[in-house]
Amino acid sequence: MTILSILATIFGIVNGFANFPQIWKIYKTKRAKDLSITTYVILTIGTIVWFLYGIEIRSVPIITMESLVFIEFVLILIGCYLYGKKK
């Protein structure tokens, strides 16, 4: 594994945590009505494609990052479903 590959793995994981503040806010406030579900559906589909590509080329950094981001996007979409209805 090269230094660049190691750095890509580390920063892939770090960048993967970027959505946690949004997730925290959704579940803490129980509000998600201002989020675009369409955006997160598109991002989730893109994440699946990148994950499959990572498997195809056997890239641990891509697989790692996309796995983490996929979980985050699913949590956001669930939050949008639960708390996104306008009252």
N, C-alpha and C. Protein backbone atom coordinates (compact mmCIF):
# COMPACT_ATOMS: atom_id res chain seq x y z
N MET A 1 0.85 -1.17 0.00
CA MET A 1 0.00 0.00 0.00
C MET A 1 0.91 1.25 0.00
N THR A 2 0.63 2.17 -0.89
CA THR A 2 1.44 3.38 -0.99
C THR A 2 1.01 4.41 0.05
N ILE A 3 1.85 5.42 0.23
CA ILE A 3 1.52 6.50 1.17
C ILE A 3 0.24 7.21 0.73
N LEU A 4 0.12 7.44 -0.58
CA LEU A 4 -1.10 8.09 -1.07
C LEU A 4 -2.33 7.24 -0.80
N SER A 5 -2.21 5.95 -0.94
CA SER A 5 -3.33 5.05 -0.67
C SER A 5 -3.70 5.08 0.81
N ILE A 6 -2.69 5.11 1.67
CA ILE A 6 -2.94 5.20 3.12
C ILE A 6 -3.62 6.52 3.45
N LEU A 7 -3.12 7.63 2.89
CA LEU A 7 -3.74 8.94 3.12
C LEU A 7 -5.17 8.98 2.59
N ALA A 8 -5.38 8.38 1.44
CA ALA A 8 -6.74 8.35 0.87
C ALA A 8 -7.69 7.59 1.79
N THR A 9 -7.22 6.52 2.38
CA THR A 9 -8.04 5.76 3.32
C THR A 9 -8.36 6.59 4.56
N ILE A 10 -7.33 7.21 5.13
CA ILE A 10 -7.51 8.02 6.33
C ILE A 10 -8.47 9.17 6.08
N PHE A 11 -8.23 9.92 5.01
CA PHE A 11 -9.08 11.08 4.74
C PHE A 11 -10.45 10.67 4.20
N GLY A 12 -10.52 9.51 3.58
CA GLY A 12 -11.83 8.99 3.19
C GLY A 12 -12.70 8.75 4.40
N ILE A 13 -12.10 8.21 5.45
CA ILE A 13 -12.84 7.98 6.69
C ILE A 13 -13.19 9.30 7.35
N VAL A 14 -12.21 10.21 7.45
CA VAL A 14 -12.45 11.52 8.07
C VAL A 14 -13.54 12.27 7.31
N ASN A 15 -13.43 12.33 5.99
CA ASN A 15 -14.44 13.02 5.19
C ASN A 15 -15.79 12.32 5.28
N GLY A 16 -15.74 11.01 5.49
CA GLY A 16 -16.98 10.26 5.62
C GLY A 16 -17.81 10.69 6.82
N PHE A 17 -17.17 11.22 7.83
CA PHE A 17 -17.88 11.67 9.03
C PHE A 17 -18.51 13.05 8.85
N ALA A 18 -18.35 13.67 7.70
CA ALA A 18 -18.86 15.02 7.47
C ALA A 18 -20.38 15.12 7.60
N ASN A 19 -21.09 14.05 7.38
CA ASN A 19 -22.55 14.09 7.45
C ASN A 19 -23.10 13.90 8.86
N PHE A 20 -22.26 13.53 9.81
CA PHE A 20 -22.76 13.27 11.16
C PHE A 20 -23.38 14.49 11.84
N PRO A 21 -22.86 15.71 11.64
CA PRO A 21 -23.57 16.86 12.23
C PRO A 21 -25.01 17.00 11.71
N GLN A 22 -25.21 16.71 10.42
CA GLN A 22 -26.56 16.77 9.86
C GLN A 22 -27.44 15.69 10.46
N ILE A 23 -26.89 14.48 10.58
CA ILE A 23 -27.64 13.37 11.17
C ILE A 23 -28.01 13.71 12.61
N TRP A 24 -27.04 14.21 13.36
CA TRP A 24 -27.28 14.58 14.76
C TRP A 24 -28.41 15.60 14.87
N LYS A 25 -28.37 16.61 14.00
CA LYS A 25 -29.37 17.68 14.05
C LYS A 25 -30.77 17.14 13.71
N ILE A 26 -30.85 16.27 12.72
CA ILE A 26 -32.15 15.70 12.33
C ILE A 26 -32.77 14.95 13.51
N TYR A 27 -31.99 14.09 14.13
CA TYR A 27 -32.54 13.25 15.19
C TYR A 27 -32.71 13.99 16.51
N LYS A 28 -31.89 15.00 16.73
CA LYS A 28 -32.02 15.78 17.98
C LYS A 28 -33.25 16.69 17.92
N THR A 29 -33.43 17.39 16.80
CA THR A 29 -34.54 18.33 16.67
C THR A 29 -35.83 17.66 16.17
N LYS A 30 -35.69 16.44 15.64
CA LYS A 30 -36.81 15.73 15.03
C LYS A 30 -37.44 16.56 13.91
N ARG A 31 -36.57 17.21 13.14
CA ARG A 31 -37.01 18.03 12.00
C ARG A 31 -36.09 17.77 10.82
N ALA A 32 -36.70 17.57 9.66
CA ALA A 32 -35.93 17.40 8.43
C ALA A 32 -36.70 17.95 7.23
N LYS A 33 -37.69 18.78 7.51
CA LYS A 33 -38.57 19.24 6.43
C LYS A 33 -37.86 20.12 5.40
N ASP A 34 -36.73 20.72 5.76
CA ASP A 34 -36.03 21.60 4.82
C ASP A 34 -34.97 20.89 4.00
N LEU A 35 -34.78 19.60 4.24
CA LEU A 35 -33.80 18.85 3.47
C LEU A 35 -34.42 18.33 2.18
N SER A 36 -33.61 18.24 1.15
CA SER A 36 -34.07 17.72 -0.13
C SER A 36 -33.85 16.21 -0.18
N ILE A 37 -34.94 15.46 -0.15
CA ILE A 37 -34.85 14.01 -0.25
C ILE A 37 -34.25 13.61 -1.59
N THR A 38 -34.62 14.32 -2.63
CA THR A 38 -34.09 14.02 -3.97
C THR A 38 -32.57 14.07 -3.99
N THR A 39 -32.00 15.07 -3.35
CA THR A 39 -30.55 15.20 -3.30
C THR A 39 -29.93 13.98 -2.66
N TYR A 40 -30.47 13.56 -1.53
CA TYR A 40 -29.88 12.42 -0.82
C TYR A 40 -30.13 11.09 -1.52
N VAL A 41 -31.23 10.97 -2.26
CA VAL A 41 -31.45 9.76 -3.06
C VAL A 41 -30.40 9.68 -4.16
N ILE A 42 -30.17 10.80 -4.85
CA ILE A 42 -29.16 10.83 -5.92
C ILE A 42 -27.77 10.53 -5.35
N LEU A 43 -27.44 11.15 -4.22
CA LEU A 43 -26.14 10.91 -3.59
C LEU A 43 -25.99 9.45 -3.17
N THR A 44 -27.08 8.85 -2.68
CA THR A 44 -27.04 7.45 -2.27
C THR A 44 -26.80 6.54 -3.47
N ILE A 45 -27.47 6.80 -4.56
CA ILE A 45 -27.27 6.01 -5.78
C ILE A 45 -25.82 6.15 -6.25
N GLY A 46 -25.30 7.37 -6.25
CA GLY A 46 -23.90 7.59 -6.63
C GLY A 46 -22.94 6.86 -5.72
N THR A 47 -23.25 6.82 -4.44
CA THR A 47 -22.42 6.11 -3.48
C THR A 47 -22.40 4.61 -3.77
N ILE A 48 -23.55 4.07 -4.12
CA ILE A 48 -23.62 2.64 -4.46
C ILE A 48 -22.76 2.34 -5.68
N VAL A 49 -22.84 3.21 -6.69
CA VAL A 49 -22.03 3.02 -7.89
C VAL A 49 -20.53 3.08 -7.56
N TRP A 50 -20.13 4.06 -6.75
CA TRP A 50 -18.72 4.17 -6.35
C TRP A 50 -18.28 2.96 -5.54
N PHE A 51 -19.15 2.47 -4.65
CA PHE A 51 -18.85 1.29 -3.85
C PHE A 51 -18.60 0.09 -4.75
N LEU A 52 -19.49 -0.13 -5.72
CA LEU A 52 -19.32 -1.24 -6.65
C LEU A 52 -18.05 -1.08 -7.48
N TYR A 53 -17.75 0.13 -7.88
CA TYR A 53 -16.51 0.40 -8.61
C TYR A 53 -15.30 0.08 -7.74
N GLY A 54 -15.35 0.46 -6.47
CA GLY A 54 -14.28 0.15 -5.54
C GLY A 54 -14.05 -1.34 -5.42
N ILE A 55 -15.15 -2.10 -5.38
CA ILE A 55 -15.03 -3.57 -5.34
C ILE A 55 -14.39 -4.08 -6.62
N GLU A 56 -14.84 -3.54 -7.74
CA GLU A 56 -14.32 -3.99 -9.03
C GLU A 56 -12.81 -3.78 -9.15
N ILE A 57 -12.33 -2.62 -8.68
CA ILE A 57 -10.90 -2.34 -8.80
C ILE A 57 -10.12 -2.72 -7.53
N ARG A 58 -10.84 -3.29 -6.57
CA ARG A 58 -10.24 -3.73 -5.30
C ARG A 58 -9.53 -2.58 -4.57
N SER A 59 -10.26 -1.48 -4.44
CA SER A 59 -9.71 -0.29 -3.79
C SER A 59 -10.28 -0.16 -2.37
N VAL A 60 -9.46 -0.47 -1.39
CA VAL A 60 -9.89 -0.38 0.00
C VAL A 60 -10.33 1.04 0.38
N PRO A 61 -9.60 2.09 -0.03
CA PRO A 61 -10.05 3.44 0.32
C PRO A 61 -11.45 3.78 -0.21
N ILE A 62 -11.72 3.41 -1.44
CA ILE A 62 -13.04 3.70 -2.02
C ILE A 62 -14.12 2.88 -1.32
N ILE A 63 -13.87 1.62 -1.11
CA ILE A 63 -14.84 0.75 -0.45
C ILE A 63 -15.13 1.26 0.96
N THR A 64 -14.08 1.61 1.69
CA THR A 64 -14.22 2.09 3.06
C THR A 64 -15.05 3.37 3.11
N MET A 65 -14.65 4.35 2.31
CA MET A 65 -15.33 5.64 2.33
C MET A 65 -16.79 5.51 1.91
N GLU A 66 -17.02 4.80 0.83
CA GLU A 66 -18.38 4.70 0.32
C GLU A 66 -19.29 3.89 1.25
N SER A 67 -18.73 2.93 1.96
CA SER A 67 -19.53 2.18 2.94
C SER A 67 -20.01 3.11 4.05
N LEU A 68 -19.09 3.90 4.56
CA LEU A 68 -19.43 4.84 5.63
C LEU A 68 -20.44 5.88 5.17
N VAL A 69 -20.21 6.44 4.01
CA VAL A 69 -21.11 7.47 3.48
C VAL A 69 -22.49 6.89 3.18
N PHE A 70 -22.54 5.66 2.69
CA PHE A 70 -23.82 5.01 2.42
C PHE A 70 -24.65 4.92 3.70
N ILE A 71 -24.03 4.49 4.79
CA ILE A 71 -24.73 4.39 6.07
C ILE A 71 -25.26 5.77 6.49
N GLU A 72 -24.44 6.79 6.33
CA GLU A 72 -24.86 8.14 6.69
C GLU A 72 -26.05 8.59 5.86
N PHE A 73 -25.98 8.38 4.55
CA PHE A 73 -27.08 8.80 3.68
C PHE A 73 -28.37 8.05 4.02
N VAL A 74 -28.26 6.77 4.34
CA VAL A 74 -29.45 6.01 4.72
C VAL A 74 -30.05 6.58 6.00
N LEU A 75 -29.20 6.92 6.98
CA LEU A 75 -29.70 7.52 8.22
C LEU A 75 -30.38 8.86 7.94
N ILE A 76 -29.82 9.65 7.03
CA ILE A 76 -30.44 10.93 6.67
C ILE A 76 -31.78 10.70 5.98
N LEU A 77 -31.84 9.73 5.06
CA LEU A 77 -33.09 9.45 4.37
C LEU A 77 -34.16 8.93 5.33
N ILE A 78 -33.76 8.10 6.28
CA ILE A 78 -34.71 7.63 7.29
C ILE A 78 -35.21 8.82 8.12
N GLY A 79 -34.28 9.70 8.50
CA GLY A 79 -34.67 10.91 9.24
C GLY A 79 -35.62 11.78 8.44
N CYS A 80 -35.36 11.91 7.14
CA CYS A 80 -36.26 12.68 6.28
C CYS A 80 -37.64 12.04 6.23
N TYR A 81 -37.68 10.73 6.17
CA TYR A 81 -38.96 10.03 6.15
C TYR A 81 -39.71 10.23 7.47
N LEU A 82 -38.99 10.08 8.57
CA LEU A 82 -39.63 10.16 9.88
C LEU A 82 -40.02 11.60 10.27
N TYR A 83 -39.14 12.55 9.95
CA TYR A 83 -39.31 13.91 10.48
C TYR A 83 -39.47 14.98 9.40
N GLY A 84 -39.58 14.57 8.14
CA GLY A 84 -39.63 15.56 7.07
C GLY A 84 -41.01 16.04 6.68
N LYS A 85 -42.01 15.48 7.29
CA LYS A 85 -43.37 15.88 6.93
C LYS A 85 -43.68 17.26 7.51
N LYS A 86 -44.25 18.07 6.66
CA LYS A 86 -44.64 19.41 7.10
C LYS A 86 -45.88 19.30 8.00
N LYS A 87 -45.83 20.02 9.09
CA LYS A 87 -46.95 19.95 10.05
C LYS A 87 -47.80 21.18 9.97
